[in-house]
């Protein structure tokens, strides 16, 4: 019985100390993020909040990392806006986040915008904007974007509508 009590006490102390170390390290990361604009620390804090299912605080720190120029954080921010996780759903804000990434020559941002316009994900379907963004990503070296561009072009351009002819002529 004494052995069981000793084991329980050791486990409780270790657990308490681990939680305290986590809190201290988390506080330290928060300080680095907020006071020193350390985007890596911001993203690490966000990850901890995601693991704790605290999407509101996760979004807050992802936004700080994105504002600090971390494109991976901007991608995450766009995905959270698109899904409405930890923040009010906004396709427009998702596109703005993905645009930061695309404009920073990270072609995945261009593809994500293209996909939203191709499939009408929170925005009106606009094949012209979809092709434009797929082409940017393709020209930027992302092979999968070239395939997306080709597939959409072949799907939409053989039709006879005036709108499609004008739109397709631009990409010949």
Protein backbone atom coordinates (compact mmCIF):
# COMPACT_ATOMS: atom_id res chain seq x y z
CA UNK A 1 0.00 0.00 0.00
CA UNK A 2 2.86 2.40 0.83
CA UNK A 3 4.49 1.58 -2.52
CA UNK A 4 1.25 2.41 -4.35
CA UNK A 5 1.02 5.74 -2.48
CA UNK A 6 4.66 6.57 -3.31
CA UNK A 7 4.14 5.75 -7.01
CA UNK A 8 0.96 7.85 -7.11
CA UNK A 9 2.80 10.75 -5.45
CA UNK A 10 5.70 10.54 -7.90
CA UNK A 11 3.34 10.45 -10.87
CA UNK A 12 1.41 13.43 -9.50
CA UNK A 13 4.59 15.46 -8.94
CA UNK A 14 5.99 14.61 -12.38
CA UNK A 15 2.66 15.47 -14.02
CA UNK A 16 2.43 18.76 -12.12
CA UNK A 17 6.03 19.67 -12.96
CA UNK A 18 5.50 18.81 -16.65
CA UNK A 19 2.40 21.00 -16.75
CA UNK A 20 4.36 23.81 -15.08
CA UNK A 21 7.23 23.43 -17.55
CA UNK A 22 4.74 23.46 -20.43
CA UNK A 23 3.12 26.61 -19.05
CA UNK A 24 6.50 28.29 -18.59
CA UNK A 25 7.71 27.33 -22.03
CA UNK A 26 4.39 28.38 -23.53
CA UNK A 27 4.59 31.71 -21.67
CA UNK A 28 8.14 32.13 -22.92
CA UNK A 29 7.04 31.43 -26.50
CA UNK A 30 4.17 33.88 -26.16
CA UNK A 31 6.61 36.53 -24.93
CA UNK A 32 8.96 35.84 -27.84
CA UNK A 33 6.05 36.10 -30.26
CA UNK A 34 4.47 39.23 -28.81
CA UNK A 35 7.51 41.18 -27.67
CA UNK A 36 10.17 40.08 -30.12
CA UNK A 37 7.99 39.41 -33.17
CA UNK A 38 9.45 35.89 -33.42
CA UNK A 39 7.22 34.32 -36.08
CA UNK A 40 8.57 30.83 -35.35
CA UNK A 41 7.49 31.24 -31.72
CA UNK A 42 4.08 32.52 -32.86
CA UNK A 43 3.57 29.46 -35.02
CA UNK A 44 4.68 27.15 -32.21
CA UNK A 45 2.21 28.81 -29.82
CA UNK A 46 -0.51 28.43 -32.46
CA UNK A 47 0.33 24.74 -32.81
CA UNK A 48 -0.01 24.25 -29.04
CA UNK A 49 -3.41 25.93 -29.12
CA UNK A 50 -4.48 23.72 -32.04
CA UNK A 51 -3.44 20.65 -30.06
CA UNK A 52 -5.52 21.96 -27.14
CA UNK A 53 -8.48 22.54 -29.51
CA UNK A 54 -8.38 26.28 -28.78
CA UNK A 55 -8.98 27.46 -32.33
CA UNK A 56 -9.58 31.09 -31.41
CA UNK A 57 -6.13 31.52 -29.85
CA UNK A 58 -4.58 29.32 -32.55
CA UNK A 59 -5.97 31.71 -35.16
CA UNK A 60 -4.66 34.72 -33.22
CA UNK A 61 -1.08 33.42 -33.26
CA UNK A 62 -1.27 32.12 -36.83
CA UNK A 63 -2.28 35.64 -37.84
CA UNK A 64 0.70 37.13 -35.96
CA UNK A 65 3.03 34.73 -37.80
CA UNK A 66 1.40 35.55 -41.14
CA UNK A 67 1.63 39.28 -40.48
CA UNK A 68 5.30 38.70 -39.71
CA UNK A 69 5.83 37.25 -43.18
CA UNK A 70 5.65 33.49 -42.55
CA UNK A 71 3.93 32.12 -45.64
CA UNK A 72 3.09 28.76 -44.04
CA UNK A 73 1.10 30.70 -41.45
CA UNK A 74 -0.69 32.65 -44.19
CA UNK A 75 -1.69 29.35 -45.82
CA UNK A 76 -3.02 28.14 -42.48
CA UNK A 77 -4.82 31.44 -41.94
CA UNK A 78 -6.48 31.15 -45.34
CA UNK A 79 -7.60 27.60 -44.60
CA UNK A 80 -9.07 28.67 -41.25
CA UNK A 81 -10.95 31.55 -42.89
CA UNK A 82 -12.19 29.22 -45.63
CA UNK A 83 -13.44 26.65 -43.11
CA UNK A 84 -14.59 29.14 -40.48
CA UNK A 85 -12.44 27.47 -37.81
CA UNK A 86 -11.63 29.76 -34.88
CA UNK A 87 -12.87 32.71 -36.90
CA UNK A 88 -15.97 33.73 -38.85
CA UNK A 89 -15.95 32.00 -42.25
CA UNK A 90 -14.89 34.37 -45.02
CA UNK A 91 -13.95 33.26 -48.52
CA UNK A 92 -12.83 36.80 -49.31
CA UNK A 93 -10.39 36.80 -46.39
CA UNK A 94 -9.23 33.29 -47.35
CA UNK A 95 -8.42 34.56 -50.83
CA UNK A 96 -6.60 37.57 -49.31
CA UNK A 97 -4.47 35.22 -47.20
CA UNK A 98 -3.75 32.95 -50.15
CA UNK A 99 -2.93 36.05 -52.24
CA UNK A 100 -0.17 37.00 -49.80
CA UNK A 101 1.32 33.57 -50.39
CA UNK A 102 0.85 33.70 -54.17
CA UNK A 103 2.33 37.21 -54.37
CA UNK A 104 5.32 35.96 -52.40
CA UNK A 105 6.06 33.46 -55.19
CA UNK A 106 4.75 30.48 -53.17
CA UNK A 107 2.72 28.90 -55.94
CA UNK A 108 0.47 26.79 -53.72
CA UNK A 109 -1.35 30.01 -52.77
CA UNK A 110 -2.13 30.65 -56.44
CA UNK A 111 -3.45 27.10 -56.86
CA UNK A 112 -5.71 27.39 -53.82
CA UNK A 113 -7.22 30.61 -55.20
CA UNK A 114 -7.66 28.96 -58.61
CA UNK A 115 -9.42 26.02 -57.02
CA UNK A 116 -11.81 28.24 -55.09
CA UNK A 117 -12.82 30.01 -58.30
CA UNK A 118 -12.99 26.82 -60.36
CA UNK A 119 -15.29 25.03 -57.93
CA UNK A 120 -17.13 28.01 -56.48
CA UNK A 121 -15.82 27.39 -52.97
CA UNK A 122 -17.40 30.33 -51.18
CA UNK A 123 -17.11 32.52 -54.28
CA UNK A 124 -18.93 32.65 -57.57
CA UNK A 125 -17.45 30.28 -60.14
CA UNK A 126 -15.11 32.26 -62.35
CA UNK A 127 -13.12 30.15 -64.80
CA UNK A 128 -11.17 33.18 -65.99
CA UNK A 129 -9.83 33.86 -62.48
CA UNK A 130 -9.25 30.14 -61.95
CA UNK A 131 -7.20 29.85 -65.14
CA UNK A 132 -5.33 33.05 -64.35
CA UNK A 133 -4.20 31.69 -60.97
CA UNK A 134 -3.41 28.20 -62.26
CA UNK A 135 -1.30 29.82 -65.00
CA UNK A 136 0.59 31.93 -62.45
CA UNK A 137 1.40 28.80 -60.47
CA UNK A 138 2.29 26.83 -63.59
CA UNK A 139 4.58 29.60 -64.83
CA UNK A 140 6.07 29.63 -61.34
CA UNK A 141 7.10 26.00 -61.72
CA UNK A 142 4.33 24.06 -59.95
CA UNK A 143 3.66 21.14 -62.30
CA UNK A 144 0.34 20.16 -60.71
CA UNK A 145 -0.93 23.67 -61.50
CA UNK A 146 -0.07 23.12 -65.17
CA UNK A 147 -2.25 20.02 -65.10
CA UNK A 148 -5.07 21.93 -63.41
CA UNK A 149 -4.78 24.68 -66.01
CA UNK A 150 -4.79 22.18 -68.90
CA UNK A 151 -7.74 20.21 -67.50
CA UNK A 152 -9.86 23.32 -66.93
CA UNK A 153 -8.94 24.80 -70.30
CA UNK A 154 -9.86 21.57 -72.12
CA UNK A 155 -13.10 21.25 -70.15
CA UNK A 156 -14.31 24.82 -70.65
CA UNK A 157 -12.86 26.02 -73.94
CA UNK A 158 -14.44 23.67 -76.48
CA UNK A 159 -17.91 25.12 -75.74
CA UNK A 160 -19.46 27.56 -78.18
CA UNK A 161 -20.62 30.30 -75.85
CA UNK A 162 -19.42 33.84 -76.64
CA UNK A 163 -18.18 34.28 -73.10
CA UNK A 164 -16.04 31.12 -73.26
CA UNK A 165 -14.60 31.98 -76.68
CA UNK A 166 -13.46 35.39 -75.43
CA UNK A 167 -12.12 33.92 -72.23
CA UNK A 168 -10.36 30.96 -73.91
CA UNK A 169 -8.77 33.11 -76.62
CA UNK A 170 -6.84 34.89 -73.89
CA UNK A 171 -5.06 31.64 -72.92
CA UNK A 172 -4.32 30.10 -76.33
